[in-house]
N, C-alpha and C. Protein backbone atom coordinates (compact mmCIF):
# COMPACT_ATOMS: atom_id res chain seq x y z
N MET A 1 -52.40 -44.52 29.36
CA MET A 1 -52.35 -45.28 28.68
C MET A 1 -54.08 -44.94 28.22
N LYS A 2 -54.40 -44.25 26.98
CA LYS A 2 -56.01 -44.17 26.66
C LYS A 2 -57.18 -45.36 27.05
N LYS A 3 -58.02 -44.96 27.90
CA LYS A 3 -59.10 -45.57 27.78
C LYS A 3 -59.59 -46.18 26.45
N SER A 4 -59.57 -47.39 26.22
CA SER A 4 -60.38 -48.10 25.31
C SER A 4 -61.83 -47.78 25.74
N LYS A 5 -62.71 -47.84 24.32
CA LYS A 5 -63.51 -47.97 24.47
C LYS A 5 -64.65 -48.74 24.76
N SER A 6 -64.22 -50.35 24.84
CA SER A 6 -64.72 -50.98 24.85
C SER A 6 -62.92 -51.70 25.59
N ASP A 7 -64.03 -52.96 26.23
CA ASP A 7 -62.99 -53.64 27.28
C ASP A 7 -62.95 -55.52 26.13
N LEU A 8 -63.85 -55.88 25.59
CA LEU A 8 -63.78 -57.31 24.82
C LEU A 8 -64.37 -57.08 23.17
N VAL A 9 -62.73 -57.52 22.51
CA VAL A 9 -63.26 -57.95 20.85
C VAL A 9 -63.74 -59.58 20.70
N VAL A 10 -64.63 -59.67 20.27
CA VAL A 10 -64.92 -61.13 19.90
C VAL A 10 -64.66 -60.91 18.30
N ILE A 11 -64.20 -62.21 17.53
CA ILE A 11 -64.26 -62.35 16.23
C ILE A 11 -64.31 -63.52 16.21
N ALA A 12 -65.84 -64.15 15.28
CA ALA A 12 -66.25 -65.23 14.89
C ALA A 12 -66.45 -65.53 13.91
N SER A 13 -66.35 -66.34 13.26
CA SER A 13 -66.38 -67.16 11.88
C SER A 13 -67.42 -67.98 11.40
N ALA A 14 -67.83 -68.42 10.64
CA ALA A 14 -69.07 -69.14 10.45
C ALA A 14 -68.37 -69.62 9.11
N LYS A 15 -68.77 -70.83 9.02
CA LYS A 15 -68.43 -71.27 7.09
C LYS A 15 -69.86 -72.24 7.17
N ALA A 16 -70.64 -71.19 5.57
CA ALA A 16 -71.85 -72.41 5.40
C ALA A 16 -71.29 -73.39 4.42
N GLN A 17 -72.05 -74.88 4.72
CA GLN A 17 -72.34 -75.48 3.41
C GLN A 17 -72.08 -74.89 2.09
N ALA A 18 -71.52 -75.13 0.84
CA ALA A 18 -71.83 -75.22 -0.39
C ALA A 18 -73.17 -74.79 -0.42
N GLY A 19 -73.61 -74.00 -1.27
CA GLY A 19 -74.87 -73.32 -1.64
C GLY A 19 -75.47 -72.85 0.20
N LYS A 20 -75.53 -72.85 0.85
CA LYS A 20 -76.08 -72.33 2.02
C LYS A 20 -75.62 -71.07 2.14
N GLU A 21 -74.82 -70.39 1.58
CA GLU A 21 -74.32 -68.72 2.04
C GLU A 21 -74.81 -67.98 2.10
N GLY A 22 -76.51 -67.85 1.81
CA GLY A 22 -77.29 -67.03 1.45
C GLY A 22 -78.49 -66.79 2.33
N VAL A 23 -78.31 -68.38 3.04
CA VAL A 23 -79.07 -69.02 4.41
C VAL A 23 -78.27 -68.63 5.37
N LEU A 24 -77.24 -68.29 5.48
CA LEU A 24 -75.84 -68.00 6.56
C LEU A 24 -76.10 -66.36 7.03
N GLU A 25 -76.09 -65.91 5.86
CA GLU A 25 -75.88 -64.04 5.30
C GLU A 25 -77.40 -63.98 5.94
N GLU A 26 -78.44 -64.67 5.78
CA GLU A 26 -79.80 -63.91 6.19
C GLU A 26 -79.99 -64.05 7.80
N ALA A 27 -79.40 -65.22 8.20
CA ALA A 27 -79.37 -65.78 9.76
C ALA A 27 -79.01 -64.89 10.36
N LEU A 28 -77.32 -64.38 9.88
CA LEU A 28 -76.65 -63.16 10.88
C LEU A 28 -77.06 -62.06 10.78
N LEU A 29 -77.83 -61.89 9.38
CA LEU A 29 -78.60 -60.39 9.49
C LEU A 29 -79.59 -60.35 10.21
N GLU A 30 -80.14 -60.93 10.32
CA GLU A 30 -80.92 -61.18 10.99
C GLU A 30 -81.11 -60.70 12.81
N ALA A 31 -80.02 -61.20 12.86
CA ALA A 31 -79.53 -61.57 14.69
C ALA A 31 -78.47 -59.94 15.10
N ALA A 32 -78.32 -59.42 13.78
CA ALA A 32 -77.16 -58.04 13.95
C ALA A 32 -78.38 -57.07 14.61
N GLY A 33 -78.91 -56.76 14.05
CA GLY A 33 -80.41 -55.84 14.46
C GLY A 33 -80.35 -56.19 15.89
N PRO A 34 -80.89 -56.61 16.47
CA PRO A 34 -81.52 -57.23 18.27
C PRO A 34 -79.81 -57.07 19.06
N THR A 35 -78.73 -57.43 17.94
CA THR A 35 -77.26 -57.51 18.60
C THR A 35 -77.11 -56.20 19.10
N ARG A 36 -77.05 -55.05 18.24
CA ARG A 36 -76.41 -54.10 18.25
C ARG A 36 -77.97 -53.06 19.14
N LEU A 37 -78.52 -53.54 19.68
CA LEU A 37 -79.05 -52.60 20.65
C LEU A 37 -79.25 -53.21 21.94
N GLN A 38 -78.07 -54.27 22.08
CA GLN A 38 -78.09 -54.82 23.38
C GLN A 38 -77.04 -53.48 24.08
N PRO A 39 -77.53 -53.86 25.96
CA PRO A 39 -76.67 -52.98 26.36
C PRO A 39 -75.14 -53.66 26.38
N GLY A 40 -74.16 -52.83 26.10
CA GLY A 40 -72.97 -53.06 26.43
C GLY A 40 -71.81 -53.52 25.26
N CYS A 41 -73.17 -53.06 23.99
CA CYS A 41 -72.72 -54.00 22.18
C CYS A 41 -72.10 -52.21 22.32
N VAL A 42 -71.48 -51.73 21.78
CA VAL A 42 -70.36 -51.23 21.48
C VAL A 42 -70.23 -50.66 19.47
N SER A 43 -70.08 -52.34 18.96
CA SER A 43 -70.41 -52.46 17.89
C SER A 43 -70.36 -53.89 17.11
N PHE A 44 -71.10 -53.92 16.35
CA PHE A 44 -70.87 -55.82 16.08
C PHE A 44 -70.98 -55.26 14.28
N SER A 45 -70.57 -55.80 13.25
CA SER A 45 -70.07 -55.96 12.42
C SER A 45 -70.27 -57.39 11.56
N LEU A 46 -70.56 -57.28 9.95
CA LEU A 46 -70.55 -58.59 9.65
C LEU A 46 -69.70 -58.56 8.11
N PHE A 47 -68.89 -59.38 7.96
CA PHE A 47 -67.87 -59.55 7.06
C PHE A 47 -67.80 -60.50 5.61
N HIS A 48 -68.12 -60.18 4.24
CA HIS A 48 -67.84 -61.40 4.06
C HIS A 48 -66.19 -62.18 3.39
N SER A 49 -65.92 -62.99 3.49
CA SER A 49 -64.42 -63.56 3.31
C SER A 49 -63.97 -63.29 1.36
N ILE A 50 -63.20 -62.55 1.08
CA ILE A 50 -62.86 -62.45 -0.27
C ILE A 50 -62.69 -63.61 -0.75
N ASP A 51 -61.43 -64.37 -0.13
CA ASP A 51 -61.13 -65.72 -0.74
C ASP A 51 -62.11 -66.54 -0.79
N ASP A 52 -63.30 -67.26 0.34
CA ASP A 52 -64.00 -68.04 1.15
C ASP A 52 -65.21 -67.19 0.42
N PRO A 53 -66.27 -67.50 -0.08
CA PRO A 53 -67.44 -66.72 0.05
C PRO A 53 -68.55 -67.52 0.67
N THR A 54 -68.01 -68.80 1.33
CA THR A 54 -69.03 -69.10 1.70
C THR A 54 -68.66 -69.02 3.54
N VAL A 55 -67.52 -68.08 3.88
CA VAL A 55 -67.21 -67.63 5.43
C VAL A 55 -67.61 -66.17 5.59
N ILE A 56 -68.68 -66.29 6.35
CA ILE A 56 -68.73 -64.37 6.98
C ILE A 56 -68.23 -64.80 8.11
N ILE A 57 -67.51 -63.46 9.10
CA ILE A 57 -67.26 -63.21 9.96
C ILE A 57 -67.71 -62.05 10.54
N GLY A 58 -68.07 -62.12 11.69
CA GLY A 58 -68.72 -61.16 13.10
C GLY A 58 -67.59 -60.66 13.83
N PHE A 59 -67.46 -59.43 13.95
CA PHE A 59 -66.35 -58.68 14.38
C PHE A 59 -66.88 -57.97 15.55
N GLU A 60 -67.14 -58.13 17.35
CA GLU A 60 -67.60 -57.73 17.89
C GLU A 60 -67.23 -56.53 18.90
N ARG A 61 -67.56 -55.88 19.10
CA ARG A 61 -66.99 -55.30 20.58
C ARG A 61 -67.54 -54.73 21.35
N TRP A 62 -67.83 -55.59 22.85
CA TRP A 62 -68.38 -55.10 24.31
C TRP A 62 -67.64 -54.53 24.96
N ALA A 63 -68.32 -54.03 26.09
CA ALA A 63 -67.95 -53.05 26.96
C ALA A 63 -67.83 -53.56 27.84
N SER A 64 -67.91 -55.43 28.46
CA SER A 64 -67.09 -56.00 29.48
C SER A 64 -67.45 -57.45 28.59
N SER A 65 -67.15 -58.31 29.23
CA SER A 65 -67.11 -59.65 29.50
C SER A 65 -69.01 -59.76 29.62
N ASP A 66 -68.91 -59.60 31.25
CA ASP A 66 -70.63 -59.69 31.29
C ASP A 66 -71.35 -59.27 30.01
N ALA A 67 -71.22 -58.59 29.60
CA ALA A 67 -72.13 -58.10 28.79
C ALA A 67 -72.08 -59.05 27.33
N HIS A 68 -71.58 -59.14 26.96
CA HIS A 68 -71.16 -60.34 26.25
C HIS A 68 -71.91 -61.91 26.48
N ASP A 69 -71.76 -61.77 27.65
CA ASP A 69 -72.18 -63.17 28.10
C ASP A 69 -74.13 -62.91 28.22
N GLN A 70 -74.42 -61.95 28.11
CA GLN A 70 -75.42 -61.36 28.70
C GLN A 70 -76.06 -61.89 26.89
N HIS A 71 -75.35 -61.32 26.16
CA HIS A 71 -75.41 -61.28 24.71
C HIS A 71 -75.79 -62.57 24.39
N LEU A 72 -74.90 -63.68 24.94
CA LEU A 72 -75.47 -65.02 24.45
C LEU A 72 -76.19 -65.59 24.77
N LYS A 73 -77.07 -64.90 26.10
CA LYS A 73 -77.90 -65.49 26.58
C LYS A 73 -79.23 -65.23 25.86
N GLY A 74 -79.46 -64.21 24.93
CA GLY A 74 -80.72 -63.95 23.99
C GLY A 74 -81.23 -64.78 23.58
N ALA A 75 -82.54 -64.12 23.20
CA ALA A 75 -83.30 -65.17 22.51
C ALA A 75 -83.09 -65.32 20.70
N HIS A 76 -82.31 -63.76 20.15
CA HIS A 76 -82.07 -63.90 18.81
C HIS A 76 -81.33 -64.49 18.80
N VAL A 77 -79.72 -64.78 19.85
CA VAL A 77 -78.91 -65.34 19.23
C VAL A 77 -79.17 -67.06 20.05
N GLN A 78 -80.14 -67.20 20.42
CA GLN A 78 -80.62 -68.97 20.58
C GLN A 78 -81.26 -69.08 19.41
N THR A 79 -82.21 -68.34 19.26
CA THR A 79 -82.24 -68.76 17.41
C THR A 79 -81.79 -68.84 16.07
N LEU A 80 -80.86 -67.82 16.25
CA LEU A 80 -79.66 -68.22 15.16
C LEU A 80 -78.25 -69.30 15.09
N ILE A 81 -78.80 -69.83 16.67
CA ILE A 81 -77.82 -70.41 17.05
C ILE A 81 -78.65 -71.82 16.02
N SER A 82 -79.82 -71.89 16.04
CA SER A 82 -81.04 -72.86 15.85
C SER A 82 -80.85 -73.47 14.36
N LYS A 83 -80.69 -71.89 13.73
CA LYS A 83 -80.79 -71.44 12.14
C LYS A 83 -79.66 -72.23 11.78
N MET A 84 -78.20 -72.09 12.43
CA MET A 84 -77.10 -72.48 11.87
C MET A 84 -76.51 -73.62 11.41
N GLY A 85 -77.40 -74.51 12.99
CA GLY A 85 -76.81 -76.15 13.01
C GLY A 85 -76.84 -76.99 11.58
N PRO A 86 -77.53 -76.41 10.95
CA PRO A 86 -78.28 -77.74 9.58
C PRO A 86 -77.57 -76.75 8.51
N ILE A 87 -77.05 -75.94 8.47
CA ILE A 87 -76.55 -75.26 7.34
C ILE A 87 -74.55 -74.92 7.53
N LEU A 88 -74.07 -75.11 8.49
CA LEU A 88 -72.85 -74.57 8.61
C LEU A 88 -72.23 -75.86 8.36
N ALA A 89 -71.02 -75.61 7.62
CA ALA A 89 -69.99 -76.91 7.23
C ALA A 89 -68.92 -77.38 7.95
N GLU A 90 -68.96 -76.41 9.22
CA GLU A 90 -67.92 -76.78 10.22
C GLU A 90 -68.55 -75.85 11.66
N SER A 91 -67.92 -76.20 12.58
CA SER A 91 -68.42 -75.66 14.25
C SER A 91 -67.86 -74.33 13.99
N PRO A 92 -68.47 -73.21 14.53
CA PRO A 92 -67.96 -71.74 14.10
C PRO A 92 -66.76 -71.76 14.94
N LYS A 93 -66.05 -70.72 14.41
CA LYS A 93 -64.75 -70.42 15.68
C LYS A 93 -65.11 -68.69 15.77
N ILE A 94 -64.27 -68.82 17.46
CA ILE A 94 -64.82 -67.74 17.87
C ILE A 94 -63.48 -67.35 19.18
N ILE A 95 -63.18 -65.91 18.78
CA ILE A 95 -61.86 -65.90 19.66
C ILE A 95 -62.20 -64.63 20.27
N SER A 96 -61.87 -64.56 21.67
CA SER A 96 -61.92 -63.19 22.73
C SER A 96 -60.71 -62.66 22.65
N PHE A 97 -61.00 -61.24 22.72
CA PHE A 97 -59.79 -59.93 22.87
C PHE A 97 -59.29 -59.03 23.94
N THR A 98 -58.61 -59.15 24.29
CA THR A 98 -59.24 -57.65 25.50
C THR A 98 -58.14 -56.65 24.58
N VAL A 99 -58.08 -55.29 24.38
CA VAL A 99 -57.78 -54.41 23.83
C VAL A 99 -56.32 -54.38 24.46
N LEU A 100 -55.15 -54.49 23.68
CA LEU A 100 -53.86 -54.26 24.49
C LEU A 100 -53.65 -52.56 24.11
N ASN A 101 -53.67 -52.29 23.11
CA ASN A 101 -53.39 -50.82 22.29
C ASN A 101 -53.87 -50.70 21.50
N GLU A 102 -54.91 -49.33 21.31
CA GLU A 102 -55.81 -48.64 20.27
C GLU A 102 -56.00 -46.83 20.38
N GLU A 103 -55.99 -46.81 19.44
CA GLU A 103 -55.72 -44.71 18.97
C GLU A 103 -56.97 -44.79 19.04
């Protein structure tokens, strides 16, 4: 089996309160740069939902679960969490995966 370029994939979904979509987008974009520079970050991308403009998805690839755990302790993540509290319509949904197969 071909070696994966990462051991962990994380998909995180955040839903803004109506009218706060821009604030959520700004907060996530601010955290994206420092996240991409962290050791073990293979990739970090953000996507807007076509069906619901209040939803933004983060697609993350990490070299290991440990690298992702370190990411979560970063100051920029703590800042993001504090900004998201008053603008989210519901709790974020975060799902982690290991790579089963890829080319």
